Protein backbone atom coordinates (compact mmCIF):
# COMPACT_ATOMS: atom_id res chain seq x y z
CA UNK A 1 0.00 0.00 0.00
CA UNK A 2 1.31 3.43 -0.92
CA UNK A 3 2.45 5.57 2.00
CA UNK A 4 0.04 8.52 1.85
CA UNK A 5 0.68 11.50 4.11
CA UNK A 6 -2.69 10.91 5.78
CA UNK A 7 -1.77 7.36 6.88
CA UNK A 8 -1.36 6.62 10.57
CA UNK A 9 2.27 5.99 11.53
CA UNK A 10 3.26 2.85 13.44
CA UNK A 11 3.71 4.67 16.74
CA UNK A 12 0.43 6.56 16.48
CA UNK A 13 -1.46 3.44 15.43
CA UNK A 14 -0.41 1.79 18.70
CA UNK A 15 -2.29 4.53 20.57
CA UNK A 16 -5.70 3.56 19.14
CA UNK A 17 -5.18 -0.03 17.97
CA UNK A 18 -6.60 -1.69 21.08
CA UNK A 19 -9.74 0.48 21.00
CA UNK A 20 -11.03 -1.47 18.01
CA UNK A 21 -10.96 -4.79 19.90
CA UNK A 22 -11.00 -6.78 16.66
CA UNK A 23 -8.33 -9.46 16.34
CA UNK A 24 -9.90 -11.77 13.77
CA UNK A 25 -8.07 -12.54 10.55
CA UNK A 26 -9.14 -10.52 7.52
CA UNK A 27 -7.98 -9.70 4.02
CA UNK A 28 -7.69 -5.99 4.86
CA UNK A 29 -6.53 -4.85 8.27
CA UNK A 30 -8.47 -2.40 10.42
CA UNK A 31 -5.54 -0.03 10.04
CA UNK A 32 -6.09 0.04 6.25
CA UNK A 33 -9.76 0.91 6.81
CA UNK A 34 -8.79 3.73 9.18
CA UNK A 35 -6.23 5.06 6.69
CA UNK A 36 -8.92 5.06 4.01
CA UNK A 37 -11.29 7.12 6.19
CA UNK A 38 -8.53 9.60 7.04
CA UNK A 39 -7.74 9.96 3.32
CA UNK A 40 -11.40 10.60 2.45
CA UNK A 41 -11.76 13.16 5.23
CA UNK A 42 -8.64 15.10 4.31
CA UNK A 43 -9.02 15.07 0.50
CA UNK A 44 -12.83 15.21 0.24
CA UNK A 45 -12.80 12.52 -2.43
CA UNK A 46 -15.98 10.62 -3.34
CA UNK A 47 -16.35 7.11 -1.97
CA UNK A 48 -16.27 5.56 -5.45
CA UNK A 49 -13.05 7.40 -6.35
CA UNK A 50 -11.04 5.94 -3.49
CA UNK A 51 -7.60 4.95 -4.89
CA UNK A 52 -6.98 1.28 -5.60
CA UNK A 53 -4.22 1.25 -2.96
CA UNK A 54 -6.97 1.20 -0.35
CA UNK A 55 -9.58 -1.53 0.25
CA UNK A 56 -12.72 -1.38 -1.91
CA UNK A 57 -14.84 1.64 -1.13
CA UNK A 58 -17.85 -0.56 -0.31
CA UNK A 59 -15.90 -2.22 2.49
CA UNK A 60 -14.63 1.11 3.84
CA UNK A 61 -18.15 2.54 3.76
CA UNK A 62 -19.51 -0.54 5.56
CA UNK A 63 -17.11 -0.03 8.46
CA UNK A 64 -17.73 3.71 8.50
CA UNK A 65 -21.46 3.17 8.96
CA UNK A 66 -20.90 0.29 11.41
CA UNK A 67 -18.53 2.28 13.64
CA UNK A 68 -20.82 5.30 13.44
CA UNK A 69 -23.84 3.27 14.59
CA UNK A 70 -21.84 1.62 17.39
CA UNK A 71 -20.43 4.93 18.60
CA UNK A 72 -16.86 3.65 18.19
CA UNK A 73 -15.62 6.69 16.26
CA UNK A 74 -16.85 9.01 19.01
CA UNK A 75 -15.39 6.74 21.68
CA UNK A 76 -11.93 6.92 20.07
CA UNK A 77 -12.31 10.68 19.72
CA UNK A 78 -13.17 11.13 23.42
CA UNK A 79 -10.30 8.86 24.49
CA UNK A 80 -7.81 10.97 22.53
CA UNK A 81 -9.27 14.17 24.00
CA UNK A 82 -8.46 12.88 27.49
CA UNK A 83 -4.92 11.94 26.44
CA UNK A 84 -4.29 15.39 24.96
CA UNK A 85 -5.60 17.15 28.08
CA UNK A 86 -3.42 15.04 30.39
CA UNK A 87 -0.45 15.72 28.11
CA UNK A 88 -1.07 19.46 28.65
CA UNK A 89 -1.18 19.02 32.43
CA UNK A 90 -4.96 19.34 32.67
CA UNK A 91 -7.64 17.19 34.27
CA UNK A 92 -9.44 14.75 31.99
CA UNK A 93 -12.73 16.54 32.63
CA UNK A 94 -12.74 20.24 31.62
CA UNK A 95 -14.13 22.85 34.02
CA UNK A 96 -14.97 25.32 31.25
CA UNK A 97 -16.59 24.97 27.84
CA UNK A 98 -17.02 27.32 24.89
CA UNK A 99 -20.15 27.10 22.74
CA UNK A 100 -20.63 28.29 19.15
CA UNK A 101 -22.10 27.20 15.82
CA UNK A 102 -21.06 27.15 12.18
CA UNK A 103 -23.47 27.06 9.24
CA UNK A 104 -22.28 25.26 6.09
CA UNK A 105 -23.86 24.58 2.72
CA UNK A 106 -25.14 21.10 1.89
CA UNK A 107 -24.46 19.35 -1.40
CA UNK A 108 -26.66 16.30 -1.06
CA UNK A 109 -30.25 15.37 -1.80
CA UNK A 110 -31.08 15.36 1.88
CA UNK A 111 -34.18 17.13 3.14
CA UNK A 112 -32.57 17.60 6.57
CA UNK A 113 -31.39 21.16 6.04
CA UNK A 114 -32.64 24.72 6.44
CA UNK A 115 -31.90 28.34 5.59
CA UNK A 116 -29.79 30.47 7.90
CA UNK A 117 -31.10 33.98 7.27
CA UNK A 118 -28.23 35.59 9.16
CA UNK A 119 -25.44 33.87 7.23
CA UNK A 120 -27.50 33.53 4.02
CA UNK A 121 -26.71 29.80 3.86
CA UNK A 122 -28.95 26.90 2.86
CA UNK A 123 -27.63 23.89 4.72
CA UNK A 124 -26.78 22.61 8.17
CA UNK A 125 -25.41 23.98 11.41
CA UNK A 126 -22.55 22.43 13.36
CA UNK A 127 -23.20 23.26 16.99
CA UNK A 128 -20.24 22.51 19.26
CA UNK A 129 -18.91 22.95 22.77
CA UNK A 130 -15.12 22.87 23.04
CA UNK A 131 -12.70 22.98 25.96
CA UNK A 132 -10.01 25.64 26.35
CA UNK A 133 -7.69 23.63 24.08
CA UNK A 134 -10.23 23.68 21.27
CA UNK A 135 -11.08 19.98 21.61
CA UNK A 136 -14.71 19.07 21.00
CA UNK A 137 -16.70 18.17 24.12
CA UNK A 138 -20.12 17.99 22.48
CA UNK A 139 -21.33 18.10 18.87
CA UNK A 140 -24.78 18.26 17.30
CA UNK A 141 -25.70 18.59 13.61
CA UNK A 142 -28.82 20.73 13.10
CA UNK A 143 -30.73 22.37 10.29
CA UNK A 144 -29.22 25.80 9.58
CA UNK A 145 -32.52 27.56 10.32
CA UNK A 146 -32.35 26.58 14.01
CA UNK A 147 -31.61 29.65 16.13
CA UNK A 148 -28.47 29.47 18.29
CA UNK A 149 -30.27 29.98 21.59
CA UNK A 150 -32.72 27.20 20.70
CA UNK A 151 -30.18 24.78 19.26
CA UNK A 152 -27.86 25.36 22.20
CA UNK A 153 -30.10 23.34 24.49
CA UNK A 154 -29.59 20.22 22.40
CA UNK A 155 -25.80 20.45 22.38
CA UNK A 156 -25.61 21.36 26.08
CA UNK A 157 -27.70 18.27 26.85
CA UNK A 158 -24.86 16.23 25.31
CA UNK A 159 -22.60 17.38 28.16
CA UNK A 160 -24.79 15.81 30.85
CA UNK A 161 -22.99 13.16 32.95
CA UNK A 162 -19.82 13.35 30.81
CA UNK A 163 -17.88 16.14 32.52
CA UNK A 164 -18.20 16.17 36.33
CA UNK A 165 -15.85 19.18 36.73
CA UNK A 166 -17.74 21.46 34.32
CA UNK A 167 -18.93 24.69 35.97
CA UNK A 168 -18.98 27.37 33.26
CA UNK A 169 -19.79 27.75 29.55
CA UNK A 170 -18.72 30.84 27.61
CA UNK A 171 -20.98 32.09 24.80
CA UNK A 172 -21.35 35.10 22.52
CA UNK A 173 -24.29 37.51 22.34
CA UNK A 174 -26.26 35.13 20.14
CA UNK A 175 -27.04 33.10 23.27
CA UNK A 176 -28.69 35.83 25.33
CA UNK A 177 -32.20 35.46 26.77
CA UNK A 178 -33.41 32.83 29.22
CA UNK A 179 -30.85 30.21 28.11
CA UNK A 180 -28.53 31.02 31.01
CA UNK A 181 -31.33 30.53 33.52
CA UNK A 182 -32.24 27.20 31.88
CA UNK A 183 -28.63 25.98 32.05
CA UNK A 184 -28.29 26.97 35.72
CA UNK A 185 -31.61 25.40 36.70
CA UNK A 186 -31.07 22.04 34.97
CA UNK A 187 -27.32 21.54 35.30
CA UNK A 188 -26.03 24.03 37.86
CA UNK A 189 -23.57 25.49 35.34
CA UNK A 190 -23.00 29.18 34.63
CA UNK A 191 -23.56 30.45 31.08
CA UNK A 192 -21.42 33.56 30.71
CA UNK A 193 -22.01 35.89 27.76
CA UNK A 194 -18.73 37.39 26.54
CA UNK A 195 -19.33 40.88 25.15
CA UNK A 196 -17.18 43.11 23.00
CA UNK A 197 -14.66 45.40 24.67
CA UNK A 198 -16.19 48.83 25.24
CA UNK A 199 -14.61 51.52 23.08
CA UNK A 200 -13.40 49.22 20.30
CA UNK A 201 -15.20 49.30 16.97
CA UNK A 202 -15.27 46.68 14.23
CA UNK A 203 -13.89 43.17 14.71
CA UNK A 204 -12.06 42.41 17.93
CA UNK A 205 -10.87 39.16 19.45
CA UNK A 206 -12.94 38.17 22.49
CA UNK A 207 -11.14 36.53 25.42
CA UNK A 208 -11.28 32.69 25.17
CA UNK A 209 -13.96 32.91 22.47
CA UNK A 210 -11.35 32.72 19.69
CA UNK A 211 -10.56 29.14 20.73
CA UNK A 212 -13.81 27.67 19.42
CA UNK A 213 -13.42 29.70 16.22
CA UNK A 214 -10.00 28.14 15.77
CA UNK A 215 -11.61 24.69 16.02
CA UNK A 216 -13.87 25.57 13.09
CA UNK A 217 -10.73 26.70 11.28
CA UNK A 218 -9.14 23.29 11.87
CA UNK A 219 -12.19 21.61 10.36
CA UNK A 220 -11.96 23.87 7.33
CA UNK A 221 -8.60 22.32 6.40
CA UNK A 222 -10.37 18.98 5.84
CA UNK A 223 -11.88 19.14 2.35
CA UNK A 224 -14.67 16.71 3.22
CA UNK A 225 -15.86 19.28 5.77
CA UNK A 226 -15.65 22.45 3.70
CA UNK A 227 -19.30 21.72 2.89
CA UNK A 228 -21.69 19.11 4.20
CA UNK A 229 -21.76 16.36 1.58
CA UNK A 230 -23.54 13.78 3.72
CA UNK A 231 -27.15 12.66 3.35
CA UNK A 232 -27.42 11.73 7.04
CA UNK A 233 -26.51 14.09 9.92
CA UNK A 234 -24.90 11.23 11.85
CA UNK A 235 -22.43 10.76 8.98
CA UNK A 236 -21.57 14.47 9.09
CA UNK A 237 -20.95 14.12 12.81
CA UNK A 238 -18.64 11.12 12.29
CA UNK A 239 -16.52 12.87 9.68
CA UNK A 240 -15.99 15.77 12.10
CA UNK A 241 -14.88 13.32 14.78
CA UNK A 242 -12.53 11.60 12.29
CA UNK A 243 -11.00 14.97 11.40
CA UNK A 244 -10.40 15.70 15.08
CA UNK A 245 -8.96 12.20 15.60
CA UNK A 246 -6.39 12.85 12.87
CA UNK A 247 -5.53 16.23 14.36
CA UNK A 248 -5.14 14.84 17.89
CA UNK A 249 -3.05 11.87 16.75
CA UNK A 250 -0.63 14.36 15.19
CA UNK A 251 -0.52 16.40 18.43
CA UNK A 252 0.17 13.54 20.83
CA UNK A 253 3.78 13.42 21.97
CA UNK A 254 5.36 10.00 21.58
């Protein structure tokens, strides 16, 4: 098999190999399947145009849907998040989250999309909560016409029971209203609205808030994620997790 730049190296494969828990003999190794998914995510290539160096696209797609349904891709993603945080001298569970959304165009026949009147985009919304390193804590794919303060409840629900140290979530002015009261009442967390610095006009970097924007920037370097090409929202979610897995594998010190 050709050594593509997206392939997992031997040392980095050892980090996630045991998470697959699949030792049976097969024509194509699990590592080859993973390399195929990383290649698709980075290059944005269509399934049917997968190079012949990789296993057949039907087999790769089968495992992609299987691991998505089983939650394995998300499990690997969360495991790597913990490793990265420990590597940076932090607790596994973050105490602070940052919430934001990104609307992207869809290029599929799916009916699960909407029109974001603010961004003038027909498509879907990626609603995320990240930690202070920019790692994704919670992710929900929504129709683009869902308002931030309404869609926020769904993504914040994803944090329940996962992060025992969480006490505060930072948000921009799109999350004003009774959302903060709802978060405090149901979860006991503080939703803090970060406002612009008084006296500065135009664009200015808000404290901590730039971190979640940087995460969206990371995703933008993966051509499969420049737009939402998936028919099913759960597939969109998995490709985002795969992109973050690749990024975190490259960040882990060996």
